[in-house]
Amino acid sequence: MPALRVLSPRTTVLFIALAALLAACSPRHDWREIHADADRFRAMMPARPDTMTLPIELDGLPLQMTMHGARVDEVAYTVASAPLPDTTVATRERVLAAMRNGMVRNIAGRELRAEALPVPVIDASGTAVGSAPGWRVDAEGLTGGRQVSLHAIFAAREGRVWQAVVLGPAPDPEQTRTFLDGFRVVD
C-alpha cells in the first residue's frame, strides 16, 4: 500500500489557488435557446427555465401572464407573455406602459434610459420577417433593501405583449446583452 504524502504549505496554497481558478472558469451561464411556441417567442436562457402562468391585472385589464425564467446566482432572467383582450393600438400601448411602469415600481426604482426599439419578428423557421414595436428600458432601484438593476425589453404585436427582463444586483453586461439580443417574437 503506498504511503500518503503530506503536501507542503506552498503546494497546498497553489492547489487551492488552482482549484479556485478552475471553479471561476466553469461556466455559470449555460445558454440555450428556448422555443415558447404557445407564447410566440424564442429567447436565449442562461439555464433551464421554470414556467408558470398566473392571473394579473395591468391598468385595470385582467390578463393571464405566462412567465419563463431562470436564475444564475442572484440575477433573474425572465420572459413573460400575455394575450391582450383586443388588438387595438390603444390597448397595446396601455398594457405596454403598465408593464413598464409596474416593473420599475416593483423595485421602487427610476428609469435611467428608455428608448423605442424595433423587436425582431421571425417565422417558425427562424427567418426574419419584420419587427414589433417595443421599448428598451434600463432602471435601478431596491429589492429587499439591496440595490438592483433592471434591463428590459417590452414589446407588443397582434394581440399579445411580452417583457424580457434581467433583474439583480449588478448583472454582467455581456450576459445581459446575450439575453436581450436573443429575444425574438414569432409570427
C-alpha atoms as a PDB file:
ATOM      1  CA  MET A   1       0.000   0.000   0.000  1.00  0.00           C
ATOM      2  CA  PRO A   2       1.534   3.366  -0.989  1.00  0.00           C
ATOM      3  CA  ALA A   3       2.269   5.858   1.774  1.00  0.00           C
ATOM      4  CA  LEU A   4       0.254   9.050   1.955  1.00  0.00           C
ATOM      5  CA  ARG A   5       2.212  12.190   1.278  1.00  0.00           C
ATOM      6  CA  VAL A   6       1.512  15.391   3.119  1.00  0.00           C
ATOM      7  CA  LEU A   7       1.542  18.414   0.829  1.00  0.00           C
ATOM      8  CA  SER A   8       3.833  21.268   1.699  1.00  0.00           C
ATOM      9  CA  PRO A   9       2.146  24.549   2.659  1.00  0.00           C
ATOM     10  CA  ARG A  10       3.334  26.087  -0.622  1.00  0.00           C
ATOM     11  CA  THR A  11       1.878  23.210  -2.672  1.00  0.00           C
ATOM     12  CA  THR A  12      -1.373  23.367  -0.698  1.00  0.00           C
ATOM     13  CA  VAL A  13      -1.721  27.107  -1.446  1.00  0.00           C
ATOM     14  CA  LEU A  14      -1.007  26.505  -5.152  1.00  0.00           C
ATOM     15  CA  PHE A  15      -3.551  23.668  -5.230  1.00  0.00           C
ATOM     16  CA  ILE A  16      -6.244  25.835  -3.601  1.00  0.00           C
ATOM     17  CA  ALA A  17      -5.464  28.730  -5.975  1.00  0.00           C
ATOM     18  CA  LEU A  18      -5.678  26.402  -8.988  1.00  0.00           C
ATOM     19  CA  ALA A  19      -8.989  24.929  -7.761  1.00  0.00           C
ATOM     20  CA  ALA A  20     -10.403  28.436  -7.275  1.00  0.00           C
ATOM     21  CA  LEU A  21      -9.226  29.463 -10.741  1.00  0.00           C
ATOM     22  CA  LEU A  22     -10.802  26.411 -12.340  1.00  0.00           C
ATOM     23  CA  ALA A  23     -14.058  26.999 -10.444  1.00  0.00           C
ATOM     24  CA  ALA A  24     -14.074  30.608 -11.652  1.00  0.00           C
ATOM     25  CA  CYS A  25     -13.627  29.404 -15.237  1.00  0.00           C
ATOM     26  CA  SER A  26     -16.516  26.961 -15.111  1.00  0.00           C
ATOM     27  CA  PRO A  27     -19.488  28.372 -16.967  1.00  0.00           C
ATOM     28  CA  ARG A  28     -22.275  29.577 -14.693  1.00  0.00           C
ATOM     29  CA  HIS A  29     -24.328  30.568 -17.706  1.00  0.00           C
ATOM     30  CA  ASP A  30     -25.359  27.532 -19.745  1.00  0.00           C
ATOM     31  CA  TRP A  31     -27.021  29.355 -22.657  1.00  0.00           C
ATOM     32  CA  ARG A  32     -29.728  27.601 -24.648  1.00  0.00           C
ATOM     33  CA  GLU A  33     -32.463  28.779 -26.990  1.00  0.00           C
ATOM     34  CA  ILE A  34     -35.992  28.130 -25.789  1.00  0.00           C
ATOM     35  CA  HIS A  35     -38.967  27.931 -28.138  1.00  0.00           C
ATOM     36  CA  ALA A  36     -42.122  29.054 -26.361  1.00  0.00           C
ATOM     37  CA  ASP A  37     -44.449  28.333 -29.276  1.00  0.00           C
ATOM     38  CA  ALA A  38     -47.697  28.883 -27.356  1.00  0.00           C
ATOM     39  CA  ASP A  39     -46.373  32.256 -26.175  1.00  0.00           C
ATOM     40  CA  ARG A  40     -44.987  33.123 -29.625  1.00  0.00           C
ATOM     41  CA  PHE A  41     -41.366  33.892 -28.763  1.00  0.00           C
ATOM     42  CA  ARG A  42     -37.860  32.484 -28.779  1.00  0.00           C
ATOM     43  CA  ALA A  43     -35.260  33.513 -26.271  1.00  0.00           C
ATOM     44  CA  MET A  44     -31.806  32.663 -25.029  1.00  0.00           C
ATOM     45  CA  MET A  45     -31.873  31.469 -21.409  1.00  0.00           C
ATOM     46  CA  PRO A  46     -28.797  31.065 -19.191  1.00  0.00           C
ATOM     47  CA  ALA A  47     -30.178  27.889 -17.581  1.00  0.00           C
ATOM     48  CA  ARG A  48     -33.187  25.607 -17.891  1.00  0.00           C
ATOM     49  CA  PRO A  49     -36.200  27.874 -17.261  1.00  0.00           C
ATOM     50  CA  ASP A  50     -39.149  27.257 -14.999  1.00  0.00           C
ATOM     51  CA  THR A  51     -42.581  28.221 -16.314  1.00  0.00           C
ATOM     52  CA  MET A  52     -45.746  29.386 -14.595  1.00  0.00           C
ATOM     53  CA  THR A  53     -48.976  31.102 -15.578  1.00  0.00           C
ATOM     54  CA  LEU A  54     -50.922  33.385 -13.291  1.00  0.00           C
ATOM     55  CA  PRO A  55     -53.689  35.958 -13.499  1.00  0.00           C
ATOM     56  CA  ILE A  56     -52.530  39.568 -13.254  1.00  0.00           C
ATOM     57  CA  GLU A  57     -54.100  42.968 -13.689  1.00  0.00           C
ATOM     58  CA  LEU A  58     -52.415  45.688 -15.726  1.00  0.00           C
ATOM     59  CA  ASP A  59     -54.038  49.103 -15.664  1.00  0.00           C
ATOM     60  CA  GLY A  60     -57.404  47.553 -14.851  1.00  0.00           C
ATOM     61  CA  LEU A  61     -57.193  44.837 -17.524  1.00  0.00           C
ATOM     62  CA  PRO A  62     -57.210  41.224 -16.294  1.00  0.00           C
ATOM     63  CA  LEU A  63     -54.652  39.088 -18.169  1.00  0.00           C
ATOM     64  CA  GLN A  64     -53.234  35.557 -17.975  1.00  0.00           C
ATOM     65  CA  MET A  65     -49.446  36.012 -17.978  1.00  0.00           C
ATOM     66  CA  THR A  66     -47.080  33.117 -18.607  1.00  0.00           C
ATOM     67  CA  MET A  67     -43.536  33.551 -17.315  1.00  0.00           C
ATOM     68  CA  HIS A  68     -40.435  31.591 -18.273  1.00  0.00           C
ATOM     69  CA  GLY A  69     -37.483  32.281 -16.016  1.00  0.00           C
ATOM     70  CA  ALA A  70     -34.064  31.153 -14.893  1.00  0.00           C
ATOM     71  CA  ARG A  71     -31.730  32.406 -12.202  1.00  0.00           C
ATOM     72  CA  VAL A  72     -27.932  32.480 -12.182  1.00  0.00           C
ATOM     73  CA  ASP A  73     -26.534  33.463  -8.807  1.00  0.00           C
ATOM     74  CA  GLU A  74     -28.615  36.473  -7.755  1.00  0.00           C
ATOM     75  CA  VAL A  75     -29.673  37.541 -11.256  1.00  0.00           C
ATOM     76  CA  ALA A  76     -33.067  36.565 -12.700  1.00  0.00           C
ATOM     77  CA  TYR A  77     -33.711  36.251 -16.443  1.00  0.00           C
ATOM     78  CA  THR A  78     -37.409  36.121 -17.351  1.00  0.00           C
ATOM     79  CA  VAL A  79     -39.643  36.395 -20.376  1.00  0.00           C
ATOM     80  CA  ALA A  80     -43.338  36.944 -19.749  1.00  0.00           C
ATOM     81  CA  SER A  81     -46.139  36.923 -22.293  1.00  0.00           C
ATOM     82  CA  ALA A  82     -49.851  37.613 -22.190  1.00  0.00           C
ATOM     83  CA  PRO A  83     -52.646  37.714 -24.752  1.00  0.00           C
ATOM     84  CA  LEU A  84     -54.491  41.024 -24.908  1.00  0.00           C
ATOM     85  CA  PRO A  85     -58.289  41.323 -24.701  1.00  0.00           C
ATOM     86  CA  ASP A  86     -58.288  43.036 -28.122  1.00  0.00           C
ATOM     87  CA  THR A  87     -55.900  44.090 -30.878  1.00  0.00           C
ATOM     88  CA  THR A  88     -56.365  47.860 -30.751  1.00  0.00           C
ATOM     89  CA  VAL A  89     -53.343  50.131 -30.637  1.00  0.00           C
ATOM     90  CA  ALA A  90     -54.811  51.859 -27.564  1.00  0.00           C
ATOM     91  CA  THR A  91     -54.957  48.603 -25.567  1.00  0.00           C
ATOM     92  CA  ARG A  92     -51.477  47.596 -26.706  1.00  0.00           C
ATOM     93  CA  GLU A  93     -49.985  50.949 -25.663  1.00  0.00           C
ATOM     94  CA  ARG A  94     -51.900  50.951 -22.368  1.00  0.00           C
ATOM     95  CA  VAL A  95     -50.652  47.476 -21.395  1.00  0.00           C
ATOM     96  CA  LEU A  96     -47.066  48.146 -22.527  1.00  0.00           C
ATOM     97  CA  ALA A  97     -46.956  51.290 -20.379  1.00  0.00           C
ATOM     98  CA  ALA A  98     -48.446  49.419 -17.407  1.00  0.00           C
ATOM     99  CA  MET A  99     -45.899  46.579 -17.750  1.00  0.00           C
ATOM    100  CA  ARG A 100     -43.003  49.006 -17.974  1.00  0.00           C
ATOM    101  CA  ASN A 101     -44.173  51.193 -15.097  1.00  0.00           C
ATOM    102  CA  GLY A 102     -45.032  48.145 -12.976  1.00  0.00           C
ATOM    103  CA  MET A 103     -41.562  46.625 -13.326  1.00  0.00           C
ATOM    104  CA  VAL A 104     -39.881  49.893 -12.318  1.00  0.00           C
ATOM    105  CA  ARG A 105     -42.356  50.365  -9.464  1.00  0.00           C
ATOM    106  CA  ASN A 106     -41.659  46.786  -8.242  1.00  0.00           C
ATOM    107  CA  ILE A 107     -38.078  47.818  -7.481  1.00  0.00           C
ATOM    108  CA  ALA A 108     -39.044  51.254  -6.132  1.00  0.00           C
ATOM    109  CA  GLY A 109     -36.827  52.456  -8.926  1.00  0.00           C
ATOM    110  CA  ARG A 110     -36.260  55.040 -11.556  1.00  0.00           C
ATOM    111  CA  GLU A 111     -35.622  54.693 -15.253  1.00  0.00           C
ATOM    112  CA  LEU A 112     -32.118  55.543 -16.365  1.00  0.00           C
ATOM    113  CA  ARG A 113     -32.817  55.015 -20.055  1.00  0.00           C
ATOM    114  CA  ALA A 114     -35.899  54.341 -22.153  1.00  0.00           C
ATOM    115  CA  GLU A 115     -35.878  54.225 -25.927  1.00  0.00           C
ATOM    116  CA  ALA A 116     -38.147  52.920 -28.654  1.00  0.00           C
ATOM    117  CA  LEU A 117     -36.802  49.728 -30.160  1.00  0.00           C
ATOM    118  CA  PRO A 118     -37.886  47.502 -33.053  1.00  0.00           C
ATOM    119  CA  VAL A 119     -38.002  43.934 -31.705  1.00  0.00           C
ATOM    120  CA  PRO A 120     -37.142  41.243 -34.285  1.00  0.00           C
ATOM    121  CA  VAL A 121     -40.026  39.106 -35.558  1.00  0.00           C
ATOM    122  CA  ILE A 122     -39.239  35.712 -37.081  1.00  0.00           C
ATOM    123  CA  ASP A 123     -41.295  32.969 -38.703  1.00  0.00           C
ATOM    124  CA  ALA A 124     -41.402  29.376 -37.451  1.00  0.00           C
ATOM    125  CA  SER A 125     -38.218  28.536 -39.396  1.00  0.00           C
ATOM    126  CA  GLY A 126     -36.303  31.387 -37.734  1.00  0.00           C
ATOM    127  CA  THR A 127     -36.252  33.680 -40.778  1.00  0.00           C
ATOM    128  CA  ALA A 128     -36.622  37.394 -40.043  1.00  0.00           C
ATOM    129  CA  VAL A 129     -39.986  38.700 -41.275  1.00  0.00           C
ATOM    130  CA  GLY A 130     -40.191  42.134 -39.670  1.00  0.00           C
ATOM    131  CA  SER A 131     -40.261  43.843 -36.318  1.00  0.00           C
ATOM    132  CA  ALA A 132     -42.637  44.623 -33.492  1.00  0.00           C
ATOM    133  CA  PRO A 133     -42.798  47.980 -31.713  1.00  0.00           C
ATOM    134  CA  GLY A 134     -41.072  47.884 -28.359  1.00  0.00           C
ATOM    135  CA  TRP A 135     -39.113  49.676 -25.678  1.00  0.00           C
ATOM    136  CA  ARG A 136     -35.670  49.077 -24.186  1.00  0.00           C
ATOM    137  CA  VAL A 137     -35.570  50.206 -20.550  1.00  0.00           C
ATOM    138  CA  ASP A 138     -32.742  50.347 -18.010  1.00  0.00           C
ATOM    139  CA  ALA A 139     -33.602  51.180 -14.393  1.00  0.00           C
ATOM    140  CA  GLU A 140     -32.192  50.928 -10.914  1.00  0.00           C
ATOM    141  CA  GLY A 141     -33.875  50.534  -7.577  1.00  0.00           C
ATOM    142  CA  LEU A 142     -34.132  48.417  -4.452  1.00  0.00           C
ATOM    143  CA  THR A 143     -35.369  44.911  -3.747  1.00  0.00           C
ATOM    144  CA  GLY A 144     -35.205  43.596  -0.211  1.00  0.00           C
ATOM    145  CA  GLY A 145     -33.135  46.617   0.773  1.00  0.00           C
ATOM    146  CA  ARG A 146     -30.485  45.815  -1.859  1.00  0.00           C
ATOM    147  CA  GLN A 147     -29.531  47.874  -4.890  1.00  0.00           C
ATOM    148  CA  VAL A 148     -30.632  46.169  -8.132  1.00  0.00           C
ATOM    149  CA  SER A 149     -30.505  46.905 -11.837  1.00  0.00           C
ATOM    150  CA  LEU A 150     -33.270  46.167 -14.313  1.00  0.00           C
ATOM    151  CA  HIS A 151     -32.650  45.791 -18.050  1.00  0.00           C
ATOM    152  CA  ALA A 152     -35.721  45.011 -20.121  1.00  0.00           C
ATOM    153  CA  ILE A 153     -37.428  44.893 -23.475  1.00  0.00           C
ATOM    154  CA  PHE A 154     -41.186  45.418 -23.691  1.00  0.00           C
ATOM    155  CA  ALA A 155     -42.936  44.586 -26.974  1.00  0.00           C
ATOM    156  CA  ALA A 156     -46.401  44.055 -28.453  1.00  0.00           C
ATOM    157  CA  ARG A 157     -47.758  42.580 -31.669  1.00  0.00           C
ATOM    158  CA  GLU A 158     -51.094  41.297 -32.923  1.00  0.00           C
ATOM    159  CA  GLY A 159     -52.919  40.972 -29.615  1.00  0.00           C
ATOM    160  CA  ARG A 160     -50.011  39.853 -27.421  1.00  0.00           C
ATOM    161  CA  VAL A 161     -47.444  41.577 -25.174  1.00  0.00           C
ATOM    162  CA  TRP A 162     -44.027  40.446 -23.933  1.00  0.00           C
ATOM    163  CA  GLN A 163     -41.424  41.538 -21.457  1.00  0.00           C
ATOM    164  CA  ALA A 164     -37.862  40.181 -21.378  1.00  0.00           C
ATOM    165  CA  VAL A 165     -36.213  41.202 -18.104  1.00  0.00           C
ATOM    166  CA  VAL A 166     -32.830  40.869 -16.420  1.00  0.00           C
ATOM    167  CA  LEU A 167     -33.026  41.819 -12.736  1.00  0.00           C
ATOM    168  CA  GLY A 168     -30.438  41.612  -9.989  1.00  0.00           C
ATOM    169  CA  PRO A 169     -27.522  43.257  -8.254  1.00  0.00           C
ATOM    170  CA  ALA A 170     -25.004  44.319 -10.913  1.00  0.00           C
ATOM    171  CA  PRO A 171     -25.936  41.946 -13.778  1.00  0.00           C
ATOM    172  CA  ASP A 172     -22.997  41.214 -16.070  1.00  0.00           C
ATOM    173  CA  PRO A 173     -23.319  43.438 -19.176  1.00  0.00           C
ATOM    174  CA  GLU A 174     -22.248  40.682 -21.598  1.00  0.00           C
ATOM    175  CA  GLN A 175     -24.734  38.163 -20.178  1.00  0.00           C
ATOM    176  CA  THR A 176     -27.470  40.826 -20.199  1.00  0.00           C
ATOM    177  CA  ARG A 177     -26.737  41.594 -23.853  1.00  0.00           C
ATOM    178  CA  THR A 178     -26.833  37.872 -24.764  1.00  0.00           C
ATOM    179  CA  PHE A 179     -30.254  37.509 -23.129  1.00  0.00           C
ATOM    180  CA  LEU A 180     -31.857  40.678 -24.525  1.00  0.00           C
ATOM    181  CA  ASP A 181     -30.374  40.282 -28.021  1.00  0.00           C
ATOM    182  CA  GLY A 182     -31.639  36.688 -28.093  1.00  0.00           C
ATOM    183  CA  PHE A 183     -35.295  37.634 -27.585  1.00  0.00           C
ATOM    184  CA  ARG A 184     -37.449  37.381 -30.747  1.00  0.00           C
ATOM    185  CA  VAL A 185     -41.178  37.400 -31.389  1.00  0.00           C
ATOM    186  CA  VAL A 186     -42.511  34.521 -33.511  1.00  0.00           C
ATOM    187  CA  ASP A 187     -45.089  35.438 -36.167  1.00  0.00           C
END
